[in-house]
Amino acid sequence: MPTARWLCFVLPLSIALALGAGGCRAPEATPAPPQSGAAAPDASDYDQLRSQMVEFQLRSRGIKDRRVLEVIGLVPREEFVPEEQRPHAYEDRPLPIGEGQTISQPYIVALMTELLDVERGDTVLEIGTGSGYQAAVLAELTPDVCTIEIVPALAERAAKTLARLGYDSVEVKAGDGYLGWPEHAPFDGIIVTCAPEDVPQPLQDQLAEGGRMVIPVGSQATYQRLYVLTKEGGKLKQREVIPVSFVPMVH
């Protein structure tokens, strides 16, 4: 899915820290420009940078789920960005991945993953594959991950990256995420990285009883809000989390 462009208004620090890209980002979190002559770290440096990211960008901001912290500490974020951006892979910001899109700020990935509360064996649907990084994080929690990307070039690239890194169980589809993926439904979890004005009925229908959906809802003309939706007795119960600014869902 296309990523968001920040709307220029000031938010309280506690909220601003929660906003990332691949959906939303804080005002200071702009893509890093390529730096000529910047050398990419070696593997051990990346391991150290990843550990520091988990400690100072995630744990210190309130991400508490041990599983989420562990799996984000395993997934090589540098493999999901263009080579010229690898020196910046663990910075607290979104980074460009081509096609006018970005990989999300690490915090927003961790927050949405924590809210989804994935258990081993759950079947999860992601709307908006992007680079494939979020799908890889989810695949460390459960092997049954389906992800849909509306930009065909990104879908193809993400599928190749995921396969190269051994995430063979992730199924990637180029298509309209609004419609979900009925062939693989019902889903125990659905995570959406673009904002419809209302929760799409196909996604509601494809969410399993007792399942969770993490989704931003609203118009860019007004505040959008990130919700956790839980299906109980065939109906959705919602919990508002934070104000956000995501790109509208393309349908």
C-alpha atoms as a PDB file:
ATOM      1  CA  MET A   1       0.000   0.000   0.000  1.00  0.00           C
ATOM      2  CA  PRO A   2       1.186   3.586  -0.492  1.00  0.00           C
ATOM      3  CA  THR A   3       2.637   5.126   2.639  1.00  0.00           C
ATOM      4  CA  ALA A   4       1.525   8.246   4.434  1.00  0.00           C
ATOM      5  CA  ARG A   5       2.801  11.783   4.182  1.00  0.00           C
ATOM      6  CA  TRP A   6       2.858  13.560   7.532  1.00  0.00           C
ATOM      7  CA  LEU A   7       0.160  16.138   8.181  1.00  0.00           C
ATOM      8  CA  CYS A   8       1.628  19.247   9.757  1.00  0.00           C
ATOM      9  CA  PHE A   9       0.215  19.492  13.232  1.00  0.00           C
ATOM     10  CA  VAL A  10       1.833  19.144  16.615  1.00  0.00           C
ATOM     11  CA  LEU A  11       1.012  16.203  18.874  1.00  0.00           C
ATOM     12  CA  PRO A  12       1.914  15.553  22.499  1.00  0.00           C
ATOM     13  CA  LEU A  13       5.284  13.821  22.858  1.00  0.00           C
ATOM     14  CA  SER A  14       3.738  10.551  24.062  1.00  0.00           C
ATOM     15  CA  ILE A  15       1.683  10.364  20.863  1.00  0.00           C
ATOM     16  CA  ALA A  16       4.376  11.685  18.556  1.00  0.00           C
ATOM     17  CA  LEU A  17       6.725   8.920  19.672  1.00  0.00           C
ATOM     18  CA  ALA A  18       4.142   6.367  18.629  1.00  0.00           C
ATOM     19  CA  LEU A  19       3.795   7.581  15.062  1.00  0.00           C
ATOM     20  CA  GLY A  20       5.873   5.905  12.383  1.00  0.00           C
ATOM     21  CA  ALA A  21       5.735   5.441   8.616  1.00  0.00           C
ATOM     22  CA  GLY A  22       4.391   2.663   6.467  1.00  0.00           C
ATOM     23  CA  GLY A  23       1.270   4.274   7.676  1.00  0.00           C
ATOM     24  CA  CYS A  24       2.349   7.122   9.881  1.00  0.00           C
ATOM     25  CA  ARG A  25       5.420   8.865  11.152  1.00  0.00           C
ATOM     26  CA  ALA A  26       6.446  11.502  13.639  1.00  0.00           C
ATOM     27  CA  PRO A  27       7.339  14.953  12.277  1.00  0.00           C
ATOM     28  CA  GLU A  28      11.070  14.466  12.824  1.00  0.00           C
ATOM     29  CA  ALA A  29      11.122  10.982  11.304  1.00  0.00           C
ATOM     30  CA  THR A  30      11.825  11.759   7.646  1.00  0.00           C
ATOM     31  CA  PRO A  31      13.554   9.378   5.263  1.00  0.00           C
ATOM     32  CA  ALA A  32      17.333   9.573   5.507  1.00  0.00           C
ATOM     33  CA  PRO A  33      18.989  10.941   2.361  1.00  0.00           C
ATOM     34  CA  PRO A  34      21.578   8.680   0.754  1.00  0.00           C
ATOM     35  CA  GLN A  35      25.072   9.569   1.972  1.00  0.00           C
ATOM     36  CA  SER A  36      27.826   9.203  -0.568  1.00  0.00           C
ATOM     37  CA  GLY A  37      30.721   7.291   0.899  1.00  0.00           C
ATOM     38  CA  ALA A  38      28.680   5.908   3.843  1.00  0.00           C
ATOM     39  CA  ALA A  39      29.878   2.354   4.411  1.00  0.00           C
ATOM     40  CA  ALA A  40      27.434  -0.358   5.405  1.00  0.00           C
ATOM     41  CA  PRO A  41      28.217  -2.031   8.746  1.00  0.00           C
ATOM     42  CA  ASP A  42      29.288  -5.665   8.748  1.00  0.00           C
ATOM     43  CA  ALA A  43      27.119  -8.478  10.142  1.00  0.00           C
ATOM     44  CA  SER A  44      28.282  -8.095  13.742  1.00  0.00           C
ATOM     45  CA  ASP A  45      27.670  -4.347  13.598  1.00  0.00           C
ATOM     46  CA  TYR A  46      24.142  -4.951  12.339  1.00  0.00           C
ATOM     47  CA  ASP A  47      23.530  -7.367  15.219  1.00  0.00           C
ATOM     48  CA  GLN A  48      24.630  -4.705  17.701  1.00  0.00           C
ATOM     49  CA  LEU A  49      22.563  -1.982  16.023  1.00  0.00           C
ATOM     50  CA  ARG A  50      19.525  -4.266  16.060  1.00  0.00           C
ATOM     51  CA  SER A  51      19.955  -4.909  19.779  1.00  0.00           C
ATOM     52  CA  GLN A  52      20.264  -1.188  20.447  1.00  0.00           C
ATOM     53  CA  MET A  53      17.141  -0.504  18.396  1.00  0.00           C
ATOM     54  CA  VAL A  54      15.160  -3.014  20.447  1.00  0.00           C
ATOM     55  CA  GLU A  55      16.411  -1.566  23.737  1.00  0.00           C
ATOM     56  CA  PHE A  56      16.219   2.159  23.066  1.00  0.00           C
ATOM     57  CA  GLN A  57      13.519   2.544  20.404  1.00  0.00           C
ATOM     58  CA  LEU A  58      11.108  -0.178  21.502  1.00  0.00           C
ATOM     59  CA  ARG A  59      11.533  -1.343  25.089  1.00  0.00           C
ATOM     60  CA  SER A  60      12.188   2.164  26.410  1.00  0.00           C
ATOM     61  CA  ARG A  61       8.986   3.422  24.720  1.00  0.00           C
ATOM     62  CA  GLY A  62       6.767   0.839  26.337  1.00  0.00           C
ATOM     63  CA  ILE A  63       6.791  -2.215  24.079  1.00  0.00           C
ATOM     64  CA  LYS A  64       6.475  -4.968  26.689  1.00  0.00           C
ATOM     65  CA  ASP A  65       5.650  -8.180  24.817  1.00  0.00           C
ATOM     66  CA  ARG A  66       8.771 -10.339  25.188  1.00  0.00           C
ATOM     67  CA  ARG A  67       7.983 -12.271  22.006  1.00  0.00           C
ATOM     68  CA  VAL A  68       7.703  -9.099  19.928  1.00  0.00           C
ATOM     69  CA  LEU A  69      10.982  -7.747  21.273  1.00  0.00           C
ATOM     70  CA  GLU A  70      12.690 -11.080  20.606  1.00  0.00           C
ATOM     71  CA  VAL A  71      11.487 -11.513  17.024  1.00  0.00           C
ATOM     72  CA  ILE A  72      12.242  -7.930  16.023  1.00  0.00           C
ATOM     73  CA  GLY A  73      15.691  -8.595  17.435  1.00  0.00           C
ATOM     74  CA  LEU A  74      15.996 -11.493  14.973  1.00  0.00           C
ATOM     75  CA  VAL A  75      14.719 -10.027  11.698  1.00  0.00           C
ATOM     76  CA  PRO A  76      17.505  -8.345   9.652  1.00  0.00           C
ATOM     77  CA  ARG A  77      15.897  -5.014   8.794  1.00  0.00           C
ATOM     78  CA  GLU A  78      18.899  -4.114   6.617  1.00  0.00           C
ATOM     79  CA  GLU A  79      17.830  -6.826   4.159  1.00  0.00           C
ATOM     80  CA  PHE A  80      14.517  -5.060   3.525  1.00  0.00           C
ATOM     81  CA  VAL A  81      15.935  -1.714   2.385  1.00  0.00           C
ATOM     82  CA  PRO A  82      17.888  -0.719  -0.731  1.00  0.00           C
ATOM     83  CA  GLU A  83      21.645  -1.160  -0.455  1.00  0.00           C
ATOM     84  CA  GLU A  84      22.302   2.583  -0.238  1.00  0.00           C
ATOM     85  CA  GLN A  85      19.980   2.796   2.784  1.00  0.00           C
ATOM     86  CA  ARG A  86      21.527  -0.074   4.737  1.00  0.00           C
ATOM     87  CA  PRO A  87      23.771   2.165   6.860  1.00  0.00           C
ATOM     88  CA  HIS A  88      20.519   3.745   8.139  1.00  0.00           C
ATOM     89  CA  ALA A  89      18.578   0.508   8.623  1.00  0.00           C
ATOM     90  CA  TYR A  90      18.303   0.769  12.417  1.00  0.00           C
ATOM     91  CA  GLU A  91      17.718   4.487  12.733  1.00  0.00           C
ATOM     92  CA  ASP A  92      14.500   5.699  14.349  1.00  0.00           C
ATOM     93  CA  ARG A  93      12.835   6.669  11.103  1.00  0.00           C
ATOM     94  CA  PRO A  94      11.180   5.348   7.964  1.00  0.00           C
ATOM     95  CA  LEU A  95      13.410   4.748   4.945  1.00  0.00           C
ATOM     96  CA  PRO A  96      12.623   4.850   1.212  1.00  0.00           C
ATOM     97  CA  ILE A  97      12.228   1.460  -0.486  1.00  0.00           C
ATOM     98  CA  GLY A  98      11.387   2.595  -4.018  1.00  0.00           C
ATOM     99  CA  GLU A  99       8.088   3.147  -5.856  1.00  0.00           C
ATOM    100  CA  GLY A 100       7.672   6.277  -3.706  1.00  0.00           C
ATOM    101  CA  GLN A 101       7.168   4.112  -0.606  1.00  0.00           C
ATOM    102  CA  THR A 102       8.941   3.628   2.720  1.00  0.00           C
ATOM    103  CA  ILE A 103       9.650   0.936   5.260  1.00  0.00           C
ATOM    104  CA  SER A 104       7.986   1.756   8.566  1.00  0.00           C
ATOM    105  CA  GLN A 105       9.679   3.288  11.568  1.00  0.00           C
ATOM    106  CA  PRO A 106      10.572   0.321  13.830  1.00  0.00           C
ATOM    107  CA  TYR A 107       8.361   1.525  16.683  1.00  0.00           C
ATOM    108  CA  ILE A 108       5.131   1.457  14.665  1.00  0.00           C
ATOM    109  CA  VAL A 109       5.914  -2.091  13.478  1.00  0.00           C
ATOM    110  CA  ALA A 110       6.472  -3.192  17.081  1.00  0.00           C
ATOM    111  CA  LEU A 111       3.360  -1.418  18.378  1.00  0.00           C
ATOM    112  CA  MET A 112       1.009  -2.880  15.784  1.00  0.00           C
ATOM    113  CA  THR A 113       2.547  -6.343  16.178  1.00  0.00           C
ATOM    114  CA  GLU A 114       2.133  -6.184  19.949  1.00  0.00           C
ATOM    115  CA  LEU A 115      -1.498  -5.089  19.579  1.00  0.00           C
ATOM    116  CA  LEU A 116      -2.213  -7.983  17.199  1.00  0.00           C
ATOM    117  CA  ASP A 117      -1.147 -10.453  19.942  1.00  0.00           C
ATOM    118  CA  VAL A 118      -0.235 -13.289  17.567  1.00  0.00           C
ATOM    119  CA  GLU A 119      -0.022 -16.840  18.904  1.00  0.00           C
ATOM    120  CA  ARG A 120       1.893 -19.707  17.307  1.00  0.00           C
ATOM    121  CA  GLY A 121      -0.403 -21.402  14.807  1.00  0.00           C
ATOM    122  CA  ASP A 122      -2.555 -18.327  14.160  1.00  0.00           C
ATOM    123  CA  THR A 123      -3.352 -17.491  10.549  1.00  0.00           C
ATOM    124  CA  VAL A 124      -2.571 -13.818   9.897  1.00  0.00           C
ATOM    125  CA  LEU A 125      -3.391 -11.487   7.006  1.00  0.00           C
ATOM    126  CA  GLU A 126      -1.405  -8.306   6.359  1.00  0.00           C
ATOM    127  CA  ILE A 127      -2.781  -5.586   4.098  1.00  0.00           C
ATOM    128  CA  GLY A 128       0.121  -3.585   2.631  1.00  0.00           C
ATOM    129  CA  THR A 129       3.265  -5.702   2.204  1.00  0.00           C
ATOM    130  CA  GLY A 130       5.674  -2.902   1.311  1.00  0.00           C
ATOM    131  CA  SER A 131       9.212  -4.226   1.714  1.00  0.00           C
ATOM    132  CA  GLY A 132       8.074  -7.431   3.446  1.00  0.00           C
ATOM    133  CA  TYR A 133       9.594  -6.499   6.814  1.00  0.00           C
ATOM    134  CA  GLN A 134       6.335  -6.595   8.793  1.00  0.00           C
ATOM    135  CA  ALA A 135       5.468  -9.940   7.195  1.00  0.00           C
ATOM    136  CA  ALA A 136       8.848 -11.322   8.275  1.00  0.00           C
ATOM    137  CA  VAL A 137       8.259 -10.162  11.852  1.00  0.00           C
ATOM    138  CA  LEU A 138       4.846 -11.840  11.841  1.00  0.00           C
ATOM    139  CA  ALA A 139       6.327 -15.020  10.348  1.00  0.00           C
ATOM    140  CA  GLU A 140       8.688 -15.289  13.329  1.00  0.00           C
ATOM    141  CA  LEU A 141       5.571 -15.513  15.511  1.00  0.00           C
ATOM    142  CA  THR A 142       3.506 -17.864  13.332  1.00  0.00           C
ATOM    143  CA  PRO A 143       4.272 -19.556  10.004  1.00  0.00           C
ATOM    144  CA  ASP A 144       0.806 -18.911   8.560  1.00  0.00           C
ATOM    145  CA  VAL A 145       1.141 -15.387   7.146  1.00  0.00           C
ATOM    146  CA  CYS A 146      -0.590 -14.023   4.031  1.00  0.00           C
ATOM    147  CA  THR A 147       0.200 -10.533   2.788  1.00  0.00           C
ATOM    148  CA  ILE A 148      -1.313  -8.392   0.019  1.00  0.00           C
ATOM    149  CA  GLU A 149       0.375  -5.450  -1.751  1.00  0.00           C
ATOM    150  CA  ILE A 150      -1.372  -3.239  -4.294  1.00  0.00           C
ATOM    151  CA  VAL A 151       1.888  -2.161  -6.021  1.00  0.00           C
ATOM    152  CA  PRO A 152       2.940  -5.175  -8.129  1.00  0.00           C
ATOM    153  CA  ALA A 153       6.652  -4.273  -8.220  1.00  0.00           C
ATOM    154  CA  LEU A 154       6.789  -4.118  -4.427  1.00  0.00           C
ATOM    155  CA  ALA A 155       4.881  -7.392  -4.081  1.00  0.00           C
ATOM    156  CA  GLU A 156       7.330  -9.149  -6.396  1.00  0.00           C
ATOM    157  CA  ARG A 157      10.395  -7.716  -4.647  1.00  0.00           C
ATOM    158  CA  ALA A 158       9.059  -8.515  -1.181  1.00  0.00           C
ATOM    159  CA  ALA A 159       8.298 -12.103  -2.205  1.00  0.00           C
ATOM    160  CA  LYS A 160      11.868 -12.555  -3.443  1.00  0.00           C
ATOM    161  CA  THR A 161      13.361 -11.024  -0.296  1.00  0.00           C
ATOM    162  CA  LEU A 162      11.236 -13.169   2.006  1.00  0.00           C
ATOM    163  CA  ALA A 163      12.113 -16.333   0.077  1.00  0.00           C
ATOM    164  CA  ARG A 164      15.819 -15.481   0.067  1.00  0.00           C
ATOM    165  CA  LEU A 165      15.778 -15.056   3.848  1.00  0.00           C
ATOM    166  CA  GLY A 166      13.985 -18.338   4.418  1.00  0.00           C
ATOM    167  CA  TYR A 167      10.456 -17.065   5.089  1.00  0.00           C
ATOM    168  CA  ASP A 168       9.075 -19.610   2.660  1.00  0.00           C
ATOM    169  CA  SER A 169       5.755 -19.995   4.465  1.00  0.00           C
ATOM    170  CA  VAL A 170       4.723 -16.366   3.797  1.00  0.00           C
ATOM    171  CA  GLU A 171       2.316 -16.076   0.853  1.00  0.00           C
ATOM    172  CA  VAL A 172       2.524 -12.778  -1.036  1.00  0.00           C
ATOM    173  CA  LYS A 173      -0.182 -11.544  -3.396  1.00  0.00           C
ATOM    174  CA  ALA A 174      -0.373  -8.473  -5.629  1.00  0.00           C
ATOM    175  CA  GLY A 175      -3.931  -7.240  -5.374  1.00  0.00           C
ATOM    176  CA  ASP A 176      -6.619  -5.161  -3.692  1.00  0.00           C
ATOM    177  CA  GLY A 177      -6.315  -5.482   0.061  1.00  0.00           C
ATOM    178  CA  TYR A 178      -9.811  -4.079   0.608  1.00  0.00           C
ATOM    179  CA  LEU A 179     -11.158  -7.427  -0.568  1.00  0.00           C
ATOM    180  CA  GLY A 180      -8.939  -9.443   1.746  1.00  0.00           C
ATOM    181  CA  TRP A 181      -7.982 -12.988   0.780  1.00  0.00           C
ATOM    182  CA  PRO A 182     -11.124 -15.132   1.103  1.00  0.00           C
ATOM    183  CA  GLU A 183      -9.390 -18.325  -0.064  1.00  0.00           C
ATOM    184  CA  HIS A 184      -7.307 -18.326   3.138  1.00  0.00           C
ATOM    185  CA  ALA A 185      -9.980 -17.023   5.531  1.00  0.00           C
ATOM    186  CA  PRO A 186     -10.864 -17.017   8.339  1.00  0.00           C
ATOM    187  CA  PHE A 187      -7.908 -15.171   9.852  1.00  0.00           C
ATOM    188  CA  ASP A 188      -7.034 -15.105  13.536  1.00  0.00           C
ATOM    189  CA  GLY A 189      -5.337 -11.748  12.995  1.00  0.00           C
ATOM    190  CA  ILE A 190      -5.544  -8.989  10.372  1.00  0.00           C
ATOM    191  CA  ILE A 191      -3.106  -6.055  10.323  1.00  0.00           C
ATOM    192  CA  VAL A 192      -3.745  -3.089   8.011  1.00  0.00           C
ATOM    193  CA  THR A 193      -1.204  -0.378   7.144  1.00  0.00           C
ATOM    194  CA  CYS A 194      -3.499   2.044   5.301  1.00  0.00           C
ATOM    195  CA  ALA A 195      -6.641   3.831   6.419  1.00  0.00           C
ATOM    196  CA  PRO A 196     -10.145   3.148   5.092  1.00  0.00           C
ATOM    197  CA  GLU A 197     -12.888   5.535   6.177  1.00  0.00           C
ATOM    198  CA  ASP A 198     -14.797   2.526   7.508  1.00  0.00           C
ATOM    199  CA  VAL A 199     -13.650  -0.996   8.287  1.00  0.00           C
ATOM    200  CA  PRO A 200     -14.010  -2.950   5.027  1.00  0.00           C
ATOM    201  CA  GLN A 201     -16.823  -5.479   5.230  1.00  0.00           C
ATOM    202  CA  PRO A 202     -14.737  -8.211   3.530  1.00  0.00           C
ATOM    203  CA  LEU A 203     -12.118  -7.917   6.284  1.00  0.00           C
ATOM    204  CA  GLN A 204     -14.819  -8.049   8.952  1.00  0.00           C
ATOM    205  CA  ASP A 205     -16.244 -11.178   7.356  1.00  0.00           C
ATOM    206  CA  GLN A 206     -12.823 -12.827   7.067  1.00  0.00           C
ATOM    207  CA  LEU A 207     -11.855 -12.245  10.702  1.00  0.00           C
ATOM    208  CA  ALA A 208     -12.287 -15.423  12.752  1.00  0.00           C
ATOM    209  CA  GLU A 209     -14.416 -15.544  15.884  1.00  0.00           C
ATOM    210  CA  GLY A 210     -12.165 -14.350  18.702  1.00  0.00           C
ATOM    211  CA  GLY A 211      -9.738 -12.861  16.164  1.00  0.00           C
ATOM    212  CA  ARG A 212      -8.139  -9.417  16.245  1.00  0.00           C
ATOM    213  CA  MET A 213      -7.736  -6.703  13.649  1.00  0.00           C
ATOM    214  CA  VAL A 214      -5.324  -3.778  14.040  1.00  0.00           C
ATOM    215  CA  ILE A 215      -6.380  -1.014  11.661  1.00  0.00           C
ATOM    216  CA  PRO A 216      -6.290   2.777  11.262  1.00  0.00           C
ATOM    217  CA  VAL A 217      -9.693   4.216  10.381  1.00  0.00           C
ATOM    218  CA  GLY A 218     -10.715   7.693   9.249  1.00  0.00           C
ATOM    219  CA  SER A 219     -10.124  10.416   6.702  1.00  0.00           C
ATOM    220  CA  GLN A 220      -6.894  12.371   6.257  1.00  0.00           C
ATOM    221  CA  ALA A 221      -9.046  15.496   6.446  1.00  0.00           C
ATOM    222  CA  THR A 222      -9.702  14.656  10.099  1.00  0.00           C
ATOM    223  CA  TYR A 223      -7.934  12.666  12.782  1.00  0.00           C
ATOM    224  CA  GLN A 224      -7.556   9.025  11.987  1.00  0.00           C
ATOM    225  CA  ARG A 225      -7.370   6.607  14.886  1.00  0.00           C
ATOM    226  CA  LEU A 226      -5.682   3.276  15.323  1.00  0.00           C
ATOM    227  CA  TYR A 227      -8.084   0.611  16.584  1.00  0.00           C
ATOM    228  CA  VAL A 228      -7.898  -2.922  17.855  1.00  0.00           C
ATOM    229  CA  LEU A 229     -11.058  -4.763  16.796  1.00  0.00           C
ATOM    230  CA  THR A 230     -12.016  -8.102  18.349  1.00  0.00           C
ATOM    231  CA  LYS A 231     -14.764 -10.349  16.988  1.00  0.00           C
ATOM    232  CA  GLU A 232     -17.014 -11.678  19.737  1.00  0.00           C
ATOM    233  CA  GLY A 233     -20.328 -13.388  19.019  1.00  0.00           C
ATOM    234  CA  GLY A 234     -19.990 -12.429  15.377  1.00  0.00           C
ATOM    235  CA  LYS A 235     -19.735  -8.708  16.215  1.00  0.00           C
ATOM    236  CA  LEU A 236     -16.736  -6.387  16.378  1.00  0.00           C
ATOM    237  CA  LYS A 237     -15.752  -4.768  19.660  1.00  0.00           C
ATOM    238  CA  GLN A 238     -13.372  -1.853  19.243  1.00  0.00           C
ATOM    239  CA  ARG A 239     -10.674  -0.261  21.356  1.00  0.00           C
ATOM    240  CA  GLU A 240      -9.097   3.027  20.328  1.00  0.00           C
ATOM    241  CA  VAL A 241      -5.317   3.191  20.750  1.00  0.00           C
ATOM    242  CA  ILE A 242      -3.800   6.453  19.406  1.00  0.00           C
ATOM    243  CA  PRO A 243      -4.427   9.173  16.810  1.00  0.00           C
ATOM    244  CA  VAL A 244      -2.495   8.443  13.606  1.00  0.00           C
ATOM    245  CA  SER A 245      -2.054   9.684  10.044  1.00  0.00           C
ATOM    246  CA  PHE A 246      -2.082   6.942   7.400  1.00  0.00           C
ATOM    247  CA  VAL A 247      -2.484   7.103   3.647  1.00  0.00           C
ATOM    248  CA  PRO A 248      -6.060   6.307   2.535  1.00  0.00           C
ATOM    249  CA  MET A 249      -6.741   2.725   1.513  1.00  0.00           C
ATOM    250  CA  VAL A 250      -6.722   2.367  -2.279  1.00  0.00           C
ATOM    251  CA  HIS A 251      -9.691   0.351  -3.553  1.00  0.00           C
END
